[in-house]
Amino acid sequence: MRFKIDENLPIEFADLLTQAGHDAVTVFDQQLQGQDDLAIINACLREERVLVTLDLDFADIRAYPPQQYPGLIVLRVRQQDKTHLIQVFQWVVPALKQEPVDGRLWIVEEARIRIRGED
């Protein structure tokens, strides 16, 4: 799978995905930092990449219907320090082999992943 890591997440997320055999780039890699949500999501559409972000705007299925995108993974965690974010994401990576992402919204919390979208 192909992923884009938003600027509000550690760049180590790209390393974790790459180590698991995925293609991952960061917003920084592509000099997209500071761009608005529309620019980021349009880049994901063009590149067919799943967006991984902390931006809760992307969890609004009225604004971003999951079936229209290659996938959205939104982290909704209580602690947002780098170490905690990486710990949470480390258990998300294996789940990518278990559940589809395409056309779905994954809401990642500390103890669960909620998935919305069509089967």
N, C-alpha and C. Protein backbone atom coordinates (compact mmCIF):
# COMPACT_ATOMS: atom_id res chain seq x y z
N MET A 1 0.84 -1.18 0.00
CA MET A 1 0.00 0.00 0.00
C MET A 1 0.88 1.24 0.00
N ARG A 2 0.25 2.32 -0.40
CA ARG A 2 0.94 3.61 -0.47
C ARG A 2 0.35 4.57 0.56
N PHE A 3 1.21 5.25 1.32
CA PHE A 3 0.78 6.12 2.40
C PHE A 3 1.44 7.49 2.31
N LYS A 4 0.72 8.49 2.83
CA LYS A 4 1.27 9.83 3.02
C LYS A 4 1.09 10.18 4.49
N ILE A 5 2.18 10.53 5.15
CA ILE A 5 2.16 10.88 6.57
C ILE A 5 2.06 12.40 6.68
N ASP A 6 1.03 12.86 7.36
CA ASP A 6 0.80 14.30 7.51
C ASP A 6 1.88 14.93 8.39
N GLU A 7 1.98 16.24 8.29
CA GLU A 7 3.04 16.95 9.01
C GLU A 7 2.86 16.96 10.51
N ASN A 8 1.68 16.59 11.01
CA ASN A 8 1.44 16.61 12.44
C ASN A 8 1.82 15.29 13.12
N LEU A 9 2.45 14.39 12.37
CA LEU A 9 2.87 13.10 12.91
C LEU A 9 4.38 12.93 12.77
N PRO A 10 4.96 12.08 13.61
CA PRO A 10 6.40 11.82 13.50
C PRO A 10 6.76 11.19 12.15
N ILE A 11 7.89 11.61 11.60
CA ILE A 11 8.33 11.04 10.32
C ILE A 11 8.66 9.56 10.46
N GLU A 12 8.86 9.10 11.68
CA GLU A 12 9.13 7.68 11.93
C GLU A 12 7.97 6.78 11.48
N PHE A 13 6.78 7.34 11.35
CA PHE A 13 5.65 6.56 10.84
C PHE A 13 5.99 6.02 9.45
N ALA A 14 6.62 6.84 8.62
CA ALA A 14 7.00 6.41 7.27
C ALA A 14 7.98 5.25 7.36
N ASP A 15 8.92 5.30 8.29
CA ASP A 15 9.88 4.21 8.47
C ASP A 15 9.18 2.92 8.89
N LEU A 16 8.24 3.01 9.82
CA LEU A 16 7.50 1.82 10.27
C LEU A 16 6.75 1.18 9.10
N LEU A 17 6.13 1.99 8.28
CA LEU A 17 5.39 1.47 7.13
C LEU A 17 6.33 0.87 6.09
N THR A 18 7.43 1.54 5.84
CA THR A 18 8.41 1.04 4.87
C THR A 18 8.99 -0.29 5.32
N GLN A 19 9.31 -0.41 6.61
CA GLN A 19 9.83 -1.66 7.15
C GLN A 19 8.82 -2.81 7.02
N ALA A 20 7.53 -2.46 6.96
CA ALA A 20 6.48 -3.47 6.81
C ALA A 20 6.17 -3.75 5.34
N GLY A 21 6.95 -3.14 4.44
CA GLY A 21 6.80 -3.41 3.02
C GLY A 21 5.90 -2.46 2.26
N HIS A 22 5.55 -1.35 2.87
CA HIS A 22 4.68 -0.37 2.22
C HIS A 22 5.51 0.77 1.63
N ASP A 23 4.89 1.54 0.77
CA ASP A 23 5.48 2.75 0.19
C ASP A 23 4.94 3.93 0.99
N ALA A 24 5.80 4.63 1.69
CA ALA A 24 5.35 5.73 2.54
C ALA A 24 6.22 6.96 2.33
N VAL A 25 5.56 8.10 2.20
CA VAL A 25 6.24 9.39 2.11
C VAL A 25 5.60 10.32 3.13
N THR A 26 6.34 11.35 3.49
CA THR A 26 5.80 12.35 4.40
C THR A 26 5.46 13.61 3.62
N VAL A 27 4.62 14.42 4.23
CA VAL A 27 4.30 15.72 3.66
C VAL A 27 5.59 16.53 3.50
N PHE A 28 6.52 16.36 4.43
CA PHE A 28 7.80 17.06 4.36
C PHE A 28 8.62 16.61 3.15
N ASP A 29 8.60 15.30 2.85
CA ASP A 29 9.34 14.78 1.70
C ASP A 29 8.93 15.50 0.42
N GLN A 30 7.67 15.87 0.35
CA GLN A 30 7.11 16.46 -0.87
C GLN A 30 6.93 17.98 -0.76
N GLN A 31 7.49 18.57 0.27
CA GLN A 31 7.38 20.01 0.52
C GLN A 31 5.93 20.50 0.50
N LEU A 32 5.06 19.73 1.14
CA LEU A 32 3.64 20.10 1.23
C LEU A 32 3.27 20.64 2.61
N GLN A 33 4.25 20.77 3.51
CA GLN A 33 3.94 21.26 4.84
C GLN A 33 3.36 22.67 4.73
N GLY A 34 2.38 22.93 5.59
CA GLY A 34 1.73 24.23 5.60
C GLY A 34 0.58 24.34 4.61
N GLN A 35 0.39 23.34 3.76
CA GLN A 35 -0.71 23.37 2.80
C GLN A 35 -2.03 23.08 3.51
N ASP A 36 -3.13 23.55 2.93
CA ASP A 36 -4.42 23.30 3.54
C ASP A 36 -4.87 21.86 3.29
N ASP A 37 -5.95 21.47 3.99
CA ASP A 37 -6.44 20.10 3.91
C ASP A 37 -6.76 19.68 2.48
N LEU A 38 -7.34 20.58 1.71
CA LEU A 38 -7.72 20.26 0.34
C LEU A 38 -6.49 19.91 -0.51
N ALA A 39 -5.43 20.66 -0.35
CA ALA A 39 -4.20 20.37 -1.10
C ALA A 39 -3.63 19.02 -0.72
N ILE A 40 -3.66 18.70 0.57
CA ILE A 40 -3.12 17.42 1.04
C ILE A 40 -3.96 16.26 0.52
N ILE A 41 -5.28 16.35 0.65
CA ILE A 41 -6.13 15.23 0.23
C ILE A 41 -6.11 15.08 -1.29
N ASN A 42 -6.00 16.18 -2.02
CA ASN A 42 -5.90 16.07 -3.48
C ASN A 42 -4.60 15.41 -3.90
N ALA A 43 -3.52 15.68 -3.18
CA ALA A 43 -2.24 15.01 -3.46
C ALA A 43 -2.40 13.50 -3.20
N CYS A 44 -3.10 13.15 -2.14
CA CYS A 44 -3.33 11.73 -1.85
C CYS A 44 -4.14 11.07 -2.97
N LEU A 45 -5.13 11.76 -3.47
CA LEU A 45 -5.94 11.22 -4.57
C LEU A 45 -5.09 11.01 -5.82
N ARG A 46 -4.32 12.02 -6.19
CA ARG A 46 -3.46 11.92 -7.38
C ARG A 46 -2.47 10.77 -7.28
N GLU A 47 -1.91 10.61 -6.09
CA GLU A 47 -0.87 9.60 -5.87
C GLU A 47 -1.41 8.27 -5.39
N GLU A 48 -2.72 8.21 -5.18
CA GLU A 48 -3.37 7.00 -4.66
C GLU A 48 -2.73 6.54 -3.35
N ARG A 49 -2.65 7.48 -2.41
CA ARG A 49 -2.05 7.22 -1.11
C ARG A 49 -3.08 7.36 0.01
N VAL A 50 -2.95 6.51 1.00
CA VAL A 50 -3.75 6.60 2.22
C VAL A 50 -3.15 7.73 3.06
N LEU A 51 -4.00 8.62 3.54
CA LEU A 51 -3.53 9.69 4.41
C LEU A 51 -3.55 9.22 5.86
N VAL A 52 -2.43 9.44 6.56
CA VAL A 52 -2.32 9.15 7.99
C VAL A 52 -2.12 10.50 8.67
N THR A 53 -3.02 10.84 9.61
CA THR A 53 -3.01 12.19 10.18
C THR A 53 -3.57 12.23 11.60
N LEU A 54 -3.30 13.33 12.28
CA LEU A 54 -3.93 13.65 13.56
C LEU A 54 -5.09 14.62 13.36
N ASP A 55 -5.24 15.15 12.17
CA ASP A 55 -6.22 16.19 11.86
C ASP A 55 -7.63 15.59 11.86
N LEU A 56 -8.40 15.92 12.90
CA LEU A 56 -9.74 15.36 13.05
C LEU A 56 -10.71 15.82 11.97
N ASP A 57 -10.37 16.86 11.23
CA ASP A 57 -11.23 17.27 10.11
C ASP A 57 -11.44 16.12 9.14
N PHE A 58 -10.43 15.30 8.96
CA PHE A 58 -10.52 14.18 8.01
C PHE A 58 -11.40 13.04 8.53
N ALA A 59 -11.81 13.10 9.80
CA ALA A 59 -12.72 12.11 10.35
C ALA A 59 -14.18 12.47 10.10
N ASP A 60 -14.42 13.63 9.51
CA ASP A 60 -15.78 14.06 9.19
C ASP A 60 -16.20 13.42 7.87
N ILE A 61 -17.04 12.40 7.96
CA ILE A 61 -17.41 11.65 6.75
C ILE A 61 -18.31 12.45 5.81
N ARG A 62 -18.88 13.54 6.29
CA ARG A 62 -19.66 14.41 5.39
C ARG A 62 -18.72 15.23 4.51
N ALA A 63 -17.64 15.68 5.07
CA ALA A 63 -16.67 16.47 4.30
C ALA A 63 -15.73 15.58 3.49
N TYR A 64 -15.39 14.41 4.05
CA TYR A 64 -14.46 13.48 3.40
C TYR A 64 -15.07 12.08 3.41
N PRO A 65 -16.04 11.82 2.51
CA PRO A 65 -16.65 10.49 2.46
C PRO A 65 -15.58 9.44 2.17
N PRO A 66 -15.40 8.47 3.06
CA PRO A 66 -14.28 7.53 2.92
C PRO A 66 -14.23 6.81 1.58
N GLN A 67 -15.39 6.47 1.02
CA GLN A 67 -15.40 5.72 -0.24
C GLN A 67 -14.81 6.50 -1.40
N GLN A 68 -14.59 7.80 -1.24
CA GLN A 68 -14.02 8.61 -2.31
C GLN A 68 -12.50 8.71 -2.25
N TYR A 69 -11.89 8.06 -1.26
CA TYR A 69 -10.45 8.21 -1.05
C TYR A 69 -9.76 6.85 -0.95
N PRO A 70 -8.44 6.86 -1.19
CA PRO A 70 -7.69 5.60 -1.07
C PRO A 70 -7.63 5.09 0.37
N GLY A 71 -8.08 5.89 1.29
CA GLY A 71 -8.10 5.52 2.70
C GLY A 71 -7.68 6.69 3.57
N LEU A 72 -8.27 6.73 4.75
CA LEU A 72 -7.96 7.77 5.73
C LEU A 72 -7.72 7.08 7.07
N ILE A 73 -6.59 7.38 7.68
CA ILE A 73 -6.29 6.87 9.02
C ILE A 73 -6.08 8.10 9.91
N VAL A 74 -7.00 8.28 10.85
CA VAL A 74 -6.95 9.44 11.74
C VAL A 74 -6.68 8.95 13.15
N LEU A 75 -5.60 9.43 13.74
CA LEU A 75 -5.27 9.08 15.12
C LEU A 75 -6.00 10.03 16.04
N ARG A 76 -6.73 9.45 16.97
CA ARG A 76 -7.46 10.21 17.97
C ARG A 76 -7.02 9.70 19.33
N VAL A 77 -5.91 10.25 19.79
CA VAL A 77 -5.28 9.76 21.01
C VAL A 77 -5.23 10.87 22.06
N ARG A 78 -5.20 10.45 23.31
CA ARG A 78 -5.17 11.43 24.41
C ARG A 78 -3.82 12.13 24.50
N GLN A 79 -2.76 11.36 24.37
CA GLN A 79 -1.41 11.92 24.43
C GLN A 79 -0.89 12.05 23.00
N GLN A 80 -0.27 13.18 22.70
CA GLN A 80 0.24 13.37 21.35
C GLN A 80 1.75 13.59 21.31
N ASP A 81 2.43 13.13 22.36
CA ASP A 81 3.88 13.23 22.31
C ASP A 81 4.41 12.16 21.35
N LYS A 82 5.57 12.39 20.83
CA LYS A 82 6.16 11.54 19.79
C LYS A 82 6.23 10.07 20.20
N THR A 83 6.72 9.81 21.39
CA THR A 83 6.89 8.43 21.84
C THR A 83 5.55 7.70 21.89
N HIS A 84 4.54 8.35 22.43
CA HIS A 84 3.23 7.72 22.53
C HIS A 84 2.63 7.47 21.14
N LEU A 85 2.73 8.44 20.26
CA LEU A 85 2.20 8.28 18.90
C LEU A 85 2.85 7.09 18.19
N ILE A 86 4.16 6.98 18.33
CA ILE A 86 4.86 5.86 17.68
C ILE A 86 4.42 4.54 18.29
N GLN A 87 4.26 4.48 19.61
CA GLN A 87 3.80 3.24 20.27
C GLN A 87 2.42 2.83 19.74
N VAL A 88 1.52 3.78 19.64
CA VAL A 88 0.17 3.47 19.14
C VAL A 88 0.25 2.98 17.70
N PHE A 89 1.02 3.67 16.88
CA PHE A 89 1.06 3.31 15.46
C PHE A 89 1.75 1.96 15.23
N GLN A 90 2.65 1.58 16.11
CA GLN A 90 3.32 0.28 15.96
C GLN A 90 2.33 -0.88 15.99
N TRP A 91 1.25 -0.77 16.74
CA TRP A 91 0.28 -1.86 16.74
C TRP A 91 -0.76 -1.71 15.63
N VAL A 92 -0.78 -0.54 14.99
CA VAL A 92 -1.68 -0.34 13.85
C VAL A 92 -1.12 -1.00 12.59
N VAL A 93 0.17 -0.93 12.39
CA VAL A 93 0.80 -1.42 11.15
C VAL A 93 0.42 -2.88 10.86
N PRO A 94 0.50 -3.81 11.80
CA PRO A 94 0.10 -5.19 11.49
C PRO A 94 -1.39 -5.31 11.11
N ALA A 95 -2.22 -4.43 11.63
CA ALA A 95 -3.66 -4.47 11.32
C ALA A 95 -3.92 -4.17 9.85
N LEU A 96 -2.99 -3.52 9.19
CA LEU A 96 -3.15 -3.19 7.77
C LEU A 96 -3.25 -4.45 6.91
N LYS A 97 -2.70 -5.56 7.42
CA LYS A 97 -2.79 -6.83 6.69
C LYS A 97 -4.11 -7.55 6.97
N GLN A 98 -4.81 -7.14 8.03
CA GLN A 98 -6.02 -7.82 8.46
C GLN A 98 -7.30 -7.18 7.93
N GLU A 99 -7.29 -5.87 7.79
CA GLU A 99 -8.50 -5.12 7.41
C GLU A 99 -8.20 -4.21 6.22
N PRO A 100 -9.16 -4.08 5.29
CA PRO A 100 -8.96 -3.18 4.16
C PRO A 100 -8.94 -1.71 4.60
N VAL A 101 -8.20 -0.92 3.88
CA VAL A 101 -8.12 0.52 4.14
C VAL A 101 -8.79 1.30 3.01
N ASP A 102 -8.68 0.82 1.80
CA ASP A 102 -9.20 1.53 0.63
C ASP A 102 -10.69 1.84 0.81
N GLY A 103 -11.04 3.11 0.66
CA GLY A 103 -12.43 3.52 0.78
C GLY A 103 -12.96 3.51 2.20
N ARG A 104 -12.05 3.49 3.16
CA ARG A 104 -12.46 3.43 4.56
C ARG A 104 -11.78 4.51 5.40
N LEU A 105 -12.42 4.81 6.49
CA LEU A 105 -11.87 5.71 7.49
C LEU A 105 -11.55 4.88 8.71
N TRP A 106 -10.28 4.89 9.11
CA TRP A 106 -9.86 4.24 10.35
C TRP A 106 -9.68 5.33 11.40
N ILE A 107 -10.38 5.18 12.52
CA ILE A 107 -10.17 6.07 13.66
C ILE A 107 -9.36 5.25 14.67
N VAL A 108 -8.14 5.68 14.90
CA VAL A 108 -7.23 4.94 15.77
C VAL A 108 -7.19 5.60 17.14
N GLU A 109 -7.55 4.81 18.14
CA GLU A 109 -7.47 5.25 19.53
C GLU A 109 -6.45 4.37 20.23
N GLU A 110 -6.16 4.64 21.48
CA GLU A 110 -5.15 3.88 22.19
C GLU A 110 -5.46 2.39 22.24
N ALA A 111 -6.72 2.02 22.42
CA ALA A 111 -7.04 0.62 22.65
C ALA A 111 -7.90 -0.02 21.56
N ARG A 112 -8.21 0.75 20.51
CA ARG A 112 -9.03 0.17 19.45
C ARG A 112 -8.91 0.96 18.15
N ILE A 113 -9.37 0.30 17.11
CA ILE A 113 -9.47 0.94 15.79
C ILE A 113 -10.92 0.81 15.37
N ARG A 114 -11.55 1.93 15.08
CA ARG A 114 -12.91 1.93 14.54
C ARG A 114 -12.81 2.15 13.05
N ILE A 115 -13.52 1.35 12.28
CA ILE A 115 -13.43 1.44 10.82
C ILE A 115 -14.81 1.78 10.27
N ARG A 116 -14.85 2.84 9.45
CA ARG A 116 -16.09 3.24 8.79
C ARG A 116 -15.88 3.17 7.29
N GLY A 117 -16.91 2.80 6.60
CA GLY A 117 -16.84 2.73 5.14
C GLY A 117 -17.56 1.50 4.65
N GLU A 118 -17.62 1.40 3.36
CA GLU A 118 -18.37 0.29 2.76
C GLU A 118 -17.51 -0.95 2.64
N ASP A 119 -18.15 -2.10 2.74
CA ASP A 119 -17.45 -3.37 2.59
C ASP A 119 -17.51 -3.85 1.16
